[in-house]
């Protein structure tokens, strides 16, 4: 198995290589998920690649952020640089970046970032069909779920084995963007989840302990994991050295209690957890970096620095392979043709969290989206009322792939023809069930090439990212019909581990989290997934004249009553001004 180490700086890169890493991942001057790391400009990137190539170490470049149309030429230039330098693979999140890379550098290996949120064998197969050679798996999967994916995955699998855990599924978090305009999807997460968020007796209900699966490396090899990834491009070189050395020893079947303790001291949050991997959820996963953790780190830094002071030859010089030849690069022409929707005003679509919310009058609606567990008879009733109906596939599947596919087929046999999918997993399962697919919330569509790729995958339409500003939406090209999240509490996080200390059986009230300012954020449970919602609803009924270049407006109902849903429908039909607390989201202020 490959040991893949983080290189957030030249010194961290040297620490990783000298301690025996087989590969490193690093960021260029832009478009990487750790924009606040030291990273590498074109000159230092060339030096880094040469340093690794001389030592038989692979280099993977992180292009793992969402990008906008006007940024695509700069992304293309960075891909050209990667080709010239002989980078071994690109790690990507954005569907449009993947499409661009495949067009301009068809021989460049592509690795699907964990930010793509792909967590099923069906999703992995879809990635392989689109030319990906590796999938970085979500950190929320259990050993049993990993085995199910590995049993049939037609591409390499990479897994995080040590480092920080986000409480939200990667790629499905808007908390930092919505609260502070610093987008995690664009590499500038401010980590608000580490601040106080209270729920009952839990006062840091969004801060998880760090992960460590190093003692399970032999087991992971049997599961079929190809690459062992260490998180930490924002961490010190001493941390990188300790983690790589610990992985190397574990691979050899060696135990080193001193190194294990040093690894805990150099960085942890109240110790480590194996909860997701072992299928054990609950309060034991939560942890906070305390003062004693910081103090402990100072004690071990000199000893860990000595791990990479001297360099041992990895191979005899005559055995070193020649530098990889630069890949041919194909120039791409960028056109700015805008989408041309029908001259009619955008139609309304509504998504309901439950069938009980659906009001008696649905006159302004063209489409009604209901949960997957809604009885087939309810979909039939909606169709009799003249509405197009769609079922919503959960974004968090977490091992329920077979059950979801079975349910899709049942609804298909009962007349449902359309599925709303917020991830590539959902899209792949819908296609397996022979359903049409609408790319829904969670797909993170930010540019024209993403729209084009979704159209190639068979999507009938796509919901645009809430992180785009209205002028950026107006500039989007492509031919796929697209929609705007026009009303509702934006889902800020998709959670597998519930922040509430109250057991599910005893949780009878609608829970919420309270931040340090006393603001309440609703927490809703939907089967095996939880969602943290924004404290206020996005409202645009009186600003619809500002919206351009969209085919439909999505009204996204979550905590509203049946009566409130009806009132909102009428308000949007009439263009009323808002009442009470509300937000305009990021459409006017944008994100960094």
Protein backbone atom coordinates (compact mmCIF):
# COMPACT_ATOMS: atom_id res chain seq x y z
CA UNK A 1 0.00 0.00 0.00
CA UNK A 2 1.07 3.55 -0.75
CA UNK A 3 1.73 5.92 2.15
CA UNK A 4 0.50 9.33 0.98
CA UNK A 5 1.68 12.30 3.04
CA UNK A 6 0.61 15.96 3.14
CA UNK A 7 3.07 18.58 1.92
CA UNK A 8 1.76 21.99 2.90
CA UNK A 9 5.23 23.52 2.67
CA UNK A 10 8.68 22.63 1.30
CA UNK A 11 9.86 21.62 4.77
CA UNK A 12 6.86 19.35 5.28
CA UNK A 13 7.59 17.80 1.89
CA UNK A 14 11.17 17.04 2.92
CA UNK A 15 9.95 15.55 6.19
CA UNK A 16 7.52 13.29 4.36
CA UNK A 17 10.06 12.07 1.80
CA UNK A 18 12.91 11.56 4.25
CA UNK A 19 10.68 9.54 6.56
CA UNK A 20 9.66 7.18 3.78
CA UNK A 21 6.42 8.43 2.17
CA UNK A 22 5.68 6.82 -1.19
CA UNK A 23 3.77 9.86 -2.46
CA UNK A 24 2.90 13.39 -1.41
CA UNK A 25 -0.03 15.64 -2.18
CA UNK A 26 0.41 19.37 -2.40
CA UNK A 27 -1.25 22.53 -3.64
CA UNK A 28 -0.24 24.97 -6.32
CA UNK A 29 -0.67 28.74 -6.16
CA UNK A 30 -4.49 28.52 -6.36
CA UNK A 31 -7.53 26.24 -6.58
CA UNK A 32 -6.62 23.93 -3.72
CA UNK A 33 -8.57 23.12 -0.56
CA UNK A 34 -5.89 24.55 1.77
CA UNK A 35 -5.33 28.01 0.37
CA UNK A 36 -3.91 29.17 3.72
CA UNK A 37 -1.12 26.58 3.65
CA UNK A 38 2.29 27.71 2.42
CA UNK A 39 1.68 25.84 -0.87
CA UNK A 40 3.88 26.06 -3.96
CA UNK A 41 4.21 28.62 -6.73
CA UNK A 42 5.32 27.46 -10.18
CA UNK A 43 9.04 27.73 -9.34
CA UNK A 44 8.86 25.95 -5.98
CA UNK A 45 6.47 23.38 -7.46
CA UNK A 46 9.06 22.52 -10.12
CA UNK A 47 11.70 22.11 -7.40
CA UNK A 48 9.36 19.95 -5.32
CA UNK A 49 8.60 17.64 -8.24
CA UNK A 50 12.29 17.31 -9.11
CA UNK A 51 13.17 16.57 -5.48
CA UNK A 52 10.52 13.84 -5.29
CA UNK A 53 11.33 12.41 -8.72
CA UNK A 54 14.98 11.94 -7.77
CA UNK A 55 13.80 9.92 -4.77
CA UNK A 56 11.15 7.83 -6.53
CA UNK A 57 8.26 9.59 -4.76
CA UNK A 58 5.03 10.41 -6.59
CA UNK A 59 3.47 13.89 -6.53
CA UNK A 60 -0.27 14.52 -6.66
CA UNK A 61 -1.47 18.08 -7.26
CA UNK A 62 -4.62 19.20 -5.47
CA UNK A 63 -7.05 20.99 -7.79
CA UNK A 64 -9.82 20.21 -5.34
CA UNK A 65 -11.95 23.35 -5.11
CA UNK A 66 -15.06 24.62 -6.84
CA UNK A 67 -14.30 27.12 -9.59
CA UNK A 68 -16.27 29.69 -11.54
CA UNK A 69 -16.42 30.14 -15.30
CA UNK A 70 -14.01 33.07 -15.37
CA UNK A 71 -11.44 31.04 -13.41
CA UNK A 72 -11.37 28.12 -15.86
CA UNK A 73 -8.58 29.56 -18.07
CA UNK A 74 -6.33 29.87 -14.98
CA UNK A 75 -7.19 26.28 -14.01
CA UNK A 76 -6.28 25.20 -17.52
CA UNK A 77 -2.92 26.95 -17.22
CA UNK A 78 -2.22 25.13 -13.96
CA UNK A 79 -3.07 21.81 -15.60
CA UNK A 80 -0.62 22.67 -18.39
CA UNK A 81 2.06 23.32 -15.76
CA UNK A 82 1.27 19.96 -14.14
CA UNK A 83 1.73 18.25 -17.50
CA UNK A 84 5.06 19.96 -18.16
CA UNK A 85 6.40 19.04 -14.72
CA UNK A 86 5.30 15.41 -14.90
CA UNK A 87 2.85 15.54 -11.98
CA UNK A 88 1.59 11.99 -11.32
CA UNK A 89 -2.11 12.82 -10.83
CA UNK A 90 -4.61 15.61 -10.22
CA UNK A 91 -6.97 15.46 -7.23
CA UNK A 92 -10.23 17.18 -8.21
CA UNK A 93 -13.61 18.02 -6.67
CA UNK A 94 -15.33 20.14 -9.31
CA UNK A 95 -17.08 18.21 -12.09
CA UNK A 96 -16.23 21.00 -14.50
CA UNK A 97 -12.53 20.83 -13.63
CA UNK A 98 -12.64 17.07 -14.22
CA UNK A 99 -14.20 17.62 -17.65
CA UNK A 100 -11.65 20.31 -18.47
CA UNK A 101 -8.71 18.15 -17.38
CA UNK A 102 -9.92 15.21 -19.43
CA UNK A 103 -10.21 17.46 -22.50
CA UNK A 104 -6.86 19.26 -22.28
CA UNK A 105 -4.76 16.50 -20.67
CA UNK A 106 -6.39 13.16 -21.57
CA UNK A 107 -3.44 11.10 -20.29
CA UNK A 108 -3.29 12.80 -16.88
CA UNK A 109 -4.57 10.47 -14.11
CA UNK A 110 -7.50 11.89 -12.15
CA UNK A 111 -8.22 11.19 -8.50
CA UNK A 112 -11.70 11.98 -7.19
CA UNK A 113 -11.37 14.08 -4.03
CA UNK A 114 -13.25 13.12 -0.90
CA UNK A 115 -14.98 16.48 -1.51
CA UNK A 116 -16.95 14.70 -4.27
CA UNK A 117 -18.82 12.87 -1.48
CA UNK A 118 -18.82 9.55 -3.38
CA UNK A 119 -19.61 6.78 -0.89
CA UNK A 120 -21.00 3.83 -2.89
CA UNK A 121 -19.87 1.22 -5.38
CA UNK A 122 -22.33 2.71 -7.88
CA UNK A 123 -20.70 6.12 -7.54
CA UNK A 124 -17.23 4.61 -7.84
CA UNK A 125 -18.24 2.84 -11.05
CA UNK A 126 -19.57 6.11 -12.48
CA UNK A 127 -16.25 7.82 -11.75
CA UNK A 128 -14.36 5.01 -13.48
CA UNK A 129 -16.58 5.44 -16.54
CA UNK A 130 -15.61 9.12 -16.62
CA UNK A 131 -11.90 8.33 -16.63
CA UNK A 132 -10.99 8.54 -12.93
CA UNK A 133 -8.30 6.13 -11.75
CA UNK A 134 -8.74 6.61 -7.99
CA UNK A 135 -11.41 7.55 -5.45
CA UNK A 136 -10.63 9.17 -2.09
CA UNK A 137 -13.27 7.67 0.17
CA UNK A 138 -15.32 9.58 2.78
CA UNK A 139 -14.11 9.34 6.37
CA UNK A 140 -17.56 8.41 7.66
CA UNK A 141 -17.60 4.85 6.30
CA UNK A 142 -17.42 1.73 8.44
CA UNK A 143 -15.22 -1.29 7.82
CA UNK A 144 -18.24 -3.20 6.46
CA UNK A 145 -19.13 -0.35 4.10
CA UNK A 146 -15.55 -0.02 2.88
CA UNK A 147 -15.48 -3.73 2.10
CA UNK A 148 -18.71 -3.47 0.09
CA UNK A 149 -17.22 -0.72 -2.08
CA UNK A 150 -13.83 -2.40 -2.47
CA UNK A 151 -15.44 -5.69 -3.51
CA UNK A 152 -16.52 -4.26 -6.86
CA UNK A 153 -14.80 -0.90 -7.29
CA UNK A 154 -13.20 -0.65 -10.77
CA UNK A 155 -10.64 1.93 -9.61
CA UNK A 156 -8.07 2.41 -6.86
CA UNK A 157 -9.32 3.34 -3.40
CA UNK A 158 -7.63 5.84 -1.10
CA UNK A 159 -8.55 6.28 2.56
CA UNK A 160 -7.63 8.79 5.26
CA UNK A 161 -5.94 6.86 8.06
CA UNK A 162 -4.78 9.70 10.29
CA UNK A 163 -5.65 13.34 10.94
CA UNK A 164 -8.50 15.75 11.47
CA UNK A 165 -12.14 14.76 11.04
CA UNK A 166 -14.77 17.19 9.78
CA UNK A 167 -18.15 16.63 11.39
CA UNK A 168 -19.81 17.23 8.02
CA UNK A 169 -19.46 14.94 5.05
CA UNK A 170 -16.75 16.53 2.90
CA UNK A 171 -18.15 18.58 0.03
CA UNK A 172 -21.49 18.95 1.80
CA UNK A 173 -20.60 21.79 4.19
CA UNK A 174 -21.63 25.43 3.73
CA UNK A 175 -21.25 26.52 7.36
CA UNK A 176 -18.11 28.62 6.91
CA UNK A 177 -19.39 30.08 3.63
CA UNK A 178 -22.80 31.13 4.93
CA UNK A 179 -21.64 32.39 8.33
CA UNK A 180 -18.46 34.17 7.26
CA UNK A 181 -18.18 34.16 3.44
CA UNK A 182 -15.11 31.87 3.70
CA UNK A 183 -15.91 28.85 1.59
CA UNK A 184 -14.63 25.42 2.52
CA UNK A 185 -15.44 24.36 -1.02
CA UNK A 186 -12.96 27.00 -2.22
CA UNK A 187 -10.18 26.27 0.25
CA UNK A 188 -10.80 28.95 2.88
CA UNK A 189 -12.73 27.17 5.63
CA UNK A 190 -12.59 29.21 8.83
CA UNK A 191 -13.46 26.11 10.92
CA UNK A 192 -16.46 27.62 12.74
CA UNK A 193 -17.33 24.03 13.74
CA UNK A 194 -14.51 24.17 16.31
CA UNK A 195 -16.27 27.07 18.09
CA UNK A 196 -18.92 26.53 20.78
CA UNK A 197 -22.16 25.03 19.44
CA UNK A 198 -24.28 23.77 22.32
CA UNK A 199 -26.84 20.97 22.39
CA UNK A 200 -27.95 19.91 25.83
CA UNK A 201 -24.84 19.07 27.85
CA UNK A 202 -22.63 19.06 24.75
CA UNK A 203 -20.95 22.47 24.36
CA UNK A 204 -18.75 21.77 21.32
CA UNK A 205 -21.25 19.70 19.41
CA UNK A 206 -19.55 20.06 16.01
CA UNK A 207 -15.92 19.35 16.95
CA UNK A 208 -14.74 15.78 16.43
CA UNK A 209 -11.58 14.11 17.68
CA UNK A 210 -8.88 13.34 15.15
CA UNK A 211 -8.91 10.02 13.34
CA UNK A 212 -6.22 7.35 13.65
CA UNK A 213 -6.41 3.97 11.94
CA UNK A 214 -2.65 3.36 11.84
CA UNK A 215 -2.86 0.18 13.90
CA UNK A 216 -5.32 -1.23 11.33
CA UNK A 217 -3.13 -0.93 8.23
CA UNK A 218 -2.80 -4.70 7.67
CA UNK A 219 -6.57 -4.99 7.89
CA UNK A 220 -7.05 -2.13 5.43
CA UNK A 221 -4.78 -3.90 2.97
CA UNK A 222 -7.02 -6.97 3.14
CA UNK A 223 -10.05 -4.72 2.55
CA UNK A 224 -8.52 -3.54 -0.71
CA UNK A 225 -7.36 -0.02 0.18
CA UNK A 226 -4.58 1.04 -2.19
CA UNK A 227 -3.43 4.33 -0.68
CA UNK A 228 -3.17 5.36 2.98
CA UNK A 229 -3.68 9.10 3.27
CA UNK A 230 -2.48 11.30 6.11
CA UNK A 231 -4.40 14.56 6.62
CA UNK A 232 -2.47 17.69 7.50
CA UNK A 233 -1.36 20.23 4.89
CA UNK A 234 -1.85 22.93 7.53
CA UNK A 235 0.27 21.10 10.12
CA UNK A 236 3.94 21.21 11.11
CA UNK A 237 6.66 19.11 9.45
CA UNK A 238 7.22 17.29 12.76
CA UNK A 239 3.61 16.06 12.63
CA UNK A 240 4.11 14.82 9.07
CA UNK A 241 7.31 13.02 10.06
CA UNK A 242 5.67 11.31 13.04
CA UNK A 243 2.63 10.16 11.06
CA UNK A 244 4.69 8.79 8.16
CA UNK A 245 7.08 6.95 10.48
CA UNK A 246 4.16 5.46 12.41
CA UNK A 247 2.57 4.24 9.17
CA UNK A 248 5.85 2.73 7.96
CA UNK A 249 6.30 0.80 11.18
CA UNK A 250 2.69 -0.37 11.18
CA UNK A 251 3.14 -1.67 7.64
CA UNK A 252 6.04 -3.77 8.86
CA UNK A 253 3.98 -5.09 11.75
CA UNK A 254 6.03 -3.17 14.31
CA UNK A 255 4.68 -1.38 17.38
CA UNK A 256 6.39 1.64 18.90
CA UNK A 257 4.60 2.93 22.02
CA UNK A 258 6.92 5.95 22.25
CA UNK A 259 6.23 7.07 18.68
CA UNK A 260 2.51 6.48 19.18
CA UNK A 261 2.56 8.74 22.22
CA UNK A 262 4.60 11.37 20.37
CA UNK A 263 2.10 11.30 17.53
CA UNK A 264 -0.73 11.93 19.97
CA UNK A 265 1.15 14.78 21.58
CA UNK A 266 2.23 16.56 18.40
CA UNK A 267 -1.41 17.03 17.42
CA UNK A 268 -4.69 15.63 18.67
CA UNK A 269 -8.01 16.78 20.03
CA UNK A 270 -8.39 14.96 23.34
CA UNK A 271 -6.88 11.87 21.73
CA UNK A 272 -7.97 9.89 18.66
CA UNK A 273 -11.07 8.06 17.48
CA UNK A 274 -11.84 5.00 15.34
CA UNK A 275 -15.59 5.42 15.70
CA UNK A 276 -16.76 5.58 12.09
CA UNK A 277 -14.50 2.71 11.01
CA UNK A 278 -15.80 0.49 13.81
CA UNK A 279 -19.40 1.54 13.26
CA UNK A 280 -19.60 3.19 16.67
CA UNK A 281 -21.27 6.59 16.63
CA UNK A 282 -22.08 8.84 19.58
CA UNK A 283 -20.54 11.32 21.97
CA UNK A 284 -17.20 9.52 22.13
CA UNK A 285 -16.35 10.91 18.70
CA UNK A 286 -16.36 14.51 19.92
CA UNK A 287 -13.22 16.24 21.11
CA UNK A 288 -11.63 19.66 21.46
CA UNK A 289 -8.02 20.79 21.33
CA UNK A 290 -7.25 21.74 24.91
CA UNK A 291 -4.44 23.76 26.45
CA UNK A 292 -2.71 20.58 27.59
CA UNK A 293 -2.72 19.31 24.00
CA UNK A 294 -0.82 22.42 22.87
CA UNK A 295 1.63 22.12 25.77
CA UNK A 296 2.27 18.45 25.02
CA UNK A 297 3.17 19.28 21.42
CA UNK A 298 6.05 21.53 22.51
CA UNK A 299 7.61 18.63 24.44
CA UNK A 300 8.01 16.33 21.44
CA UNK A 301 8.91 18.71 18.61
CA UNK A 302 12.74 18.38 18.95
CA UNK A 303 12.62 14.57 18.98
CA UNK A 304 10.30 14.46 15.98
CA UNK A 305 12.39 16.98 14.05
CA UNK A 306 15.33 14.59 14.34
CA UNK A 307 13.35 11.97 12.36
CA UNK A 308 13.95 13.86 9.11
CA UNK A 309 17.25 15.63 9.67
CA UNK A 310 19.26 13.04 7.79
CA UNK A 311 18.44 11.51 4.45
CA UNK A 312 18.87 7.82 3.71
CA UNK A 313 18.94 6.66 0.08
CA UNK A 314 15.60 5.12 -0.86
CA UNK A 315 17.06 3.29 -3.87
CA UNK A 316 20.51 2.71 -5.27
CA UNK A 317 21.23 5.44 -7.77
CA UNK A 318 21.42 3.07 -10.72
CA UNK A 319 17.98 1.70 -9.82
CA UNK A 320 16.27 5.08 -9.92
CA UNK A 321 13.71 5.35 -12.73
CA UNK A 322 14.11 8.09 -15.28
CA UNK A 323 11.96 11.18 -14.80
CA UNK A 324 8.47 10.77 -16.14
CA UNK A 325 8.08 12.34 -19.55
CA UNK A 326 5.93 15.43 -19.73
CA UNK A 327 2.38 14.73 -20.94
CA UNK A 328 1.07 16.26 -24.19
CA UNK A 329 -1.17 19.15 -23.46
CA UNK A 330 -4.04 20.21 -25.71
CA UNK A 331 -4.92 23.93 -25.72
CA UNK A 332 -8.60 24.65 -25.02
CA UNK A 333 -10.68 27.46 -26.46
CA UNK A 334 -12.92 29.19 -23.91
CA UNK A 335 -16.18 30.63 -25.17
CA UNK A 336 -18.50 32.90 -23.22
CA UNK A 337 -21.82 31.93 -24.77
CA UNK A 338 -24.54 32.40 -22.16
CA UNK A 339 -27.43 30.06 -21.57
CA UNK A 340 -30.59 31.09 -23.39
CA UNK A 341 -33.63 29.94 -21.38
CA UNK A 342 -37.13 30.16 -22.77
CA UNK A 343 -38.52 33.71 -22.70
CA UNK A 344 -41.16 32.66 -20.21
CA UNK A 345 -40.49 33.42 -16.53
CA UNK A 346 -38.82 30.65 -14.48
CA UNK A 347 -41.26 28.06 -13.16
CA UNK A 348 -41.50 27.07 -9.49
CA UNK A 349 -40.38 23.76 -8.07
CA UNK A 350 -40.96 22.84 -4.43
CA UNK A 351 -39.10 20.35 -2.29
CA UNK A 352 -40.90 19.14 0.84
CA UNK A 353 -39.30 17.35 3.79
CA UNK A 354 -42.51 15.33 4.22
CA UNK A 355 -45.79 14.78 2.43
CA UNK A 356 -47.61 16.29 5.44
CA UNK A 357 -46.21 19.72 4.49
CA UNK A 358 -47.80 19.79 1.03
CA UNK A 359 -50.50 22.51 1.02
CA UNK A 360 -53.92 22.07 -0.52
CA UNK A 361 -53.30 24.70 -3.20
CA UNK A 362 -50.30 24.07 -5.48
CA UNK A 363 -51.22 26.34 -8.39
CA UNK A 364 -47.80 28.05 -8.85
CA UNK A 365 -45.84 24.78 -8.90
CA UNK A 366 -44.56 22.82 -11.89
CA UNK A 367 -42.71 20.13 -9.91
CA UNK A 368 -43.08 18.60 -6.45
CA UNK A 369 -40.09 16.80 -4.86
CA UNK A 370 -40.84 14.40 -2.00
CA UNK A 371 -38.66 12.12 0.18
CA UNK A 372 -37.73 8.62 -0.93
CA UNK A 373 -39.85 7.00 1.79
CA UNK A 374 -43.05 8.76 0.65
CA UNK A 375 -45.79 6.21 -0.18
CA UNK A 376 -46.23 5.62 -3.91
CA UNK A 377 -49.89 6.63 -3.62
CA UNK A 378 -48.89 10.16 -2.61
CA UNK A 379 -46.80 10.58 -5.78
CA UNK A 380 -49.81 9.36 -7.75
CA UNK A 381 -52.05 11.95 -6.06
CA UNK A 382 -49.59 14.74 -6.91
CA UNK A 383 -49.55 13.68 -10.56
CA UNK A 384 -53.36 13.70 -10.62
CA UNK A 385 -53.17 17.32 -9.49
CA UNK A 386 -51.20 18.13 -12.64
CA UNK A 387 -47.72 18.20 -11.10
CA UNK A 388 -44.52 16.60 -12.26
CA UNK A 389 -43.26 14.55 -9.28
CA UNK A 390 -39.75 13.62 -8.24
CA UNK A 391 -38.39 11.51 -5.42
CA UNK A 392 -35.40 12.78 -3.44
CA UNK A 393 -32.47 10.40 -2.94
CA UNK A 394 -30.64 11.05 0.38
CA UNK A 395 -27.20 12.61 0.09
CA UNK A 396 -25.98 10.43 2.94
CA UNK A 397 -26.31 6.79 1.85
CA UNK A 398 -23.86 5.21 4.33
CA UNK A 399 -24.21 1.56 3.36
CA UNK A 400 -27.89 1.70 2.33
CA UNK A 401 -27.14 1.43 -1.40
CA UNK A 402 -29.04 -1.82 -1.91
CA UNK A 403 -32.10 -0.68 0.05
CA UNK A 404 -32.25 2.64 -1.80
CA UNK A 405 -31.96 0.97 -5.19
CA UNK A 406 -34.77 -1.42 -4.26
CA UNK A 407 -36.98 1.50 -3.19
CA UNK A 408 -36.23 3.36 -6.43
CA UNK A 409 -37.36 0.39 -8.47
CA UNK A 410 -40.59 0.08 -6.48
CA UNK A 411 -41.45 3.75 -7.07
CA UNK A 412 -40.49 3.40 -10.73
CA UNK A 413 -42.94 0.50 -11.04
CA UNK A 414 -45.60 2.74 -9.47
CA UNK A 415 -45.28 5.54 -11.99
CA UNK A 416 -42.51 7.77 -10.63
CA UNK A 417 -40.16 8.77 -13.45
CA UNK A 418 -37.82 11.40 -11.96
CA UNK A 419 -35.28 11.40 -9.09
CA UNK A 420 -33.60 14.40 -7.50
CA UNK A 421 -30.00 13.44 -6.65
CA UNK A 422 -27.58 15.65 -4.72
CA UNK A 423 -24.54 13.41 -5.22
CA UNK A 424 -23.02 11.25 -7.94
CA UNK A 425 -24.03 8.23 -5.85
CA UNK A 426 -27.69 9.20 -6.15
CA UNK A 427 -27.31 9.92 -9.84
CA UNK A 428 -25.72 6.51 -10.46
CA UNK A 429 -28.42 4.67 -8.48
CA UNK A 430 -31.19 6.54 -10.30
CA UNK A 431 -29.69 5.50 -13.63
CA UNK A 432 -29.53 1.88 -12.43
CA UNK A 433 -33.25 2.09 -11.66
CA UNK A 434 -33.91 3.56 -15.12
CA UNK A 435 -35.12 6.90 -13.71
CA UNK A 436 -34.52 10.34 -15.14
CA UNK A 437 -32.33 12.49 -12.89
CA UNK A 438 -32.46 16.08 -11.71
CA UNK A 439 -29.13 17.15 -10.17
CA UNK A 440 -30.23 18.59 -6.86
CA UNK A 441 -28.86 20.28 -3.75
CA UNK A 442 -25.36 19.07 -2.89
CA UNK A 443 -24.07 18.62 -6.44
CA UNK A 444 -22.10 21.91 -6.12
CA UNK A 445 -22.62 23.18 -9.68
CA UNK A 446 -20.54 26.34 -10.12
CA UNK A 447 -19.57 26.52 -13.80
CA UNK A 448 -20.73 25.81 -17.34
CA UNK A 449 -18.55 22.73 -17.75
CA UNK A 450 -20.11 21.12 -14.69
CA UNK A 451 -23.50 21.66 -16.30
CA UNK A 452 -22.21 20.14 -19.51
CA UNK A 453 -20.85 17.06 -17.74
CA UNK A 454 -24.12 16.52 -15.89
CA UNK A 455 -25.93 16.76 -19.21
CA UNK A 456 -23.62 14.06 -20.58
CA UNK A 457 -24.47 11.93 -17.55
CA UNK A 458 -28.15 12.20 -18.43
CA UNK A 459 -29.38 14.88 -16.02
CA UNK A 460 -32.54 16.66 -17.13
CA UNK A 461 -31.62 19.82 -15.19
CA UNK A 462 -29.38 20.95 -12.34
CA UNK A 463 -29.64 23.13 -9.25
CA UNK A 464 -26.88 25.74 -9.09
CA UNK A 465 -24.63 26.19 -6.06
CA UNK A 466 -25.79 28.58 -3.35
CA UNK A 467 -22.22 29.96 -3.29
CA UNK A 468 -22.61 31.73 -6.64
CA UNK A 469 -23.56 35.40 -6.89
CA UNK A 470 -26.42 36.39 -9.18
CA UNK A 471 -24.10 38.03 -11.78
CA UNK A 472 -22.02 34.81 -11.89
CA UNK A 473 -25.21 32.83 -12.49
CA UNK A 474 -26.18 35.20 -15.29
CA UNK A 475 -22.85 34.51 -17.02
CA UNK A 476 -23.17 30.72 -17.07
CA UNK A 477 -23.27 29.03 -20.46
CA UNK A 478 -24.25 25.57 -21.55
CA UNK A 479 -27.58 24.12 -22.65
CA UNK A 480 -28.74 22.22 -19.56
CA UNK A 481 -31.73 23.82 -17.79
CA UNK A 482 -30.69 25.11 -14.39
CA UNK A 483 -32.38 26.17 -11.17
CA UNK A 484 -31.86 28.58 -8.29
CA UNK A 485 -32.30 27.82 -4.58
CA UNK A 486 -34.82 30.63 -4.08
CA UNK A 487 -36.32 29.94 -0.66
CA UNK A 488 -35.59 27.95 2.47
CA UNK A 489 -33.19 27.14 5.27
CA UNK A 490 -29.95 26.24 3.50
CA UNK A 491 -28.59 22.88 4.74
CA UNK A 492 -25.24 23.89 6.23
CA UNK A 493 -23.93 20.41 7.07
CA UNK A 494 -24.64 16.79 6.28
CA UNK A 495 -23.84 14.74 9.39
CA UNK A 496 -23.53 11.04 10.07
CA UNK A 497 -22.80 11.40 13.77
CA UNK A 498 -25.55 13.23 15.63
CA UNK A 499 -24.39 16.15 17.82
CA UNK A 500 -27.24 15.57 20.27
CA UNK A 501 -26.31 13.74 23.51
CA UNK A 502 -29.91 12.48 23.69
CA UNK A 503 -30.43 8.92 22.34
CA UNK A 504 -32.59 8.70 19.22
CA UNK A 505 -35.36 6.83 21.06
CA UNK A 506 -35.62 9.65 23.62
CA UNK A 507 -35.43 12.53 21.12
CA UNK A 508 -39.08 13.59 20.79
CA UNK A 509 -38.67 17.30 20.20
CA UNK A 510 -37.11 19.07 17.25
CA UNK A 511 -33.51 19.64 18.37
CA UNK A 512 -31.32 22.60 17.49
CA UNK A 513 -27.77 23.81 18.13
CA UNK A 514 -27.06 27.17 19.73
CA UNK A 515 -23.91 29.09 18.83
CA UNK A 516 -21.89 31.35 21.14
CA UNK A 517 -24.12 34.32 20.21
CA UNK A 518 -27.32 32.49 21.13
CA UNK A 519 -28.41 31.89 17.53
CA UNK A 520 -30.36 28.65 17.00
CA UNK A 521 -29.71 26.28 14.11
CA UNK A 522 -32.32 23.53 13.55
CA UNK A 523 -31.04 19.96 13.45
CA UNK A 524 -33.19 17.52 11.51
CA UNK A 525 -32.92 13.75 11.29
CA UNK A 526 -33.76 11.77 8.18
CA UNK A 527 -33.06 8.08 8.60
CA UNK A 528 -29.31 7.55 8.73
CA UNK A 529 -28.41 11.18 8.05
CA UNK A 530 -28.75 14.45 9.92
CA UNK A 531 -28.69 17.96 8.55
CA UNK A 532 -27.81 21.20 10.29
CA UNK A 533 -29.93 24.00 8.82
CA UNK A 534 -29.32 27.72 8.69
CA UNK A 535 -30.89 29.77 11.43
CA UNK A 536 -32.85 31.89 8.92
CA UNK A 537 -34.60 31.13 5.67
CA UNK A 538 -33.29 32.52 2.42
CA UNK A 539 -35.97 34.76 0.88
CA UNK A 540 -36.05 36.18 -2.65
CA UNK A 541 -39.76 36.61 -3.50
CA UNK A 542 -39.35 40.39 -3.80
CA UNK A 543 -36.03 40.13 -5.68
CA UNK A 544 -36.93 37.73 -8.47
CA UNK A 545 -36.44 40.54 -10.98
CA UNK A 546 -32.69 40.33 -10.21
CA UNK A 547 -32.54 36.68 -11.25
CA UNK A 548 -31.34 35.92 -14.77
CA UNK A 549 -30.38 32.83 -16.74
CA UNK A 550 -32.35 30.19 -14.80
CA UNK A 551 -35.17 27.86 -15.77
CA UNK A 552 -36.72 27.23 -12.38
CA UNK A 553 -36.82 28.52 -8.82
CA UNK A 554 -36.62 25.95 -6.03
CA UNK A 555 -38.60 26.51 -2.83
CA UNK A 556 -36.89 24.23 -0.29
CA UNK A 557 -39.18 23.43 2.65
CA UNK A 558 -37.69 21.86 5.78
CA UNK A 559 -39.17 22.89 9.15
CA UNK A 560 -42.28 24.73 7.86
CA UNK A 561 -45.83 23.64 8.65
CA UNK A 562 -48.39 22.91 5.93
CA UNK A 563 -49.93 26.35 6.47
CA UNK A 564 -46.54 28.10 6.31
CA UNK A 565 -45.70 26.30 3.07
CA UNK A 566 -48.92 27.53 1.55
CA UNK A 567 -48.18 31.10 2.63
CA UNK A 568 -44.71 30.99 1.10
CA UNK A 569 -46.12 29.69 -2.20
CA UNK A 570 -48.55 32.59 -2.32
CA UNK A 571 -45.83 35.08 -1.34
CA UNK A 572 -43.63 33.97 -4.23
CA UNK A 573 -46.53 33.97 -6.65
CA UNK A 574 -47.30 37.57 -5.66
CA UNK A 575 -43.71 38.82 -5.16
CA UNK A 576 -44.29 39.92 -1.57
CA UNK A 577 -41.69 41.57 0.64
CA UNK A 578 -40.36 39.40 3.50
CA UNK A 579 -41.80 39.36 7.01
CA UNK A 580 -39.64 38.67 10.06
CA UNK A 581 -36.03 37.49 10.05
CA UNK A 582 -34.60 36.34 6.73
CA UNK A 583 -31.40 36.23 4.67
CA UNK A 584 -30.51 36.84 1.03
CA UNK A 585 -27.89 34.12 1.28
CA UNK A 586 -24.71 34.62 -0.72
CA UNK A 587 -26.31 35.79 -3.95
CA UNK A 588 -25.40 39.45 -3.32
CA UNK A 589 -22.33 39.19 -1.07
CA UNK A 590 -20.56 36.13 -2.46
CA UNK A 591 -17.74 34.09 -0.94
CA UNK A 592 -13.96 34.29 -1.05
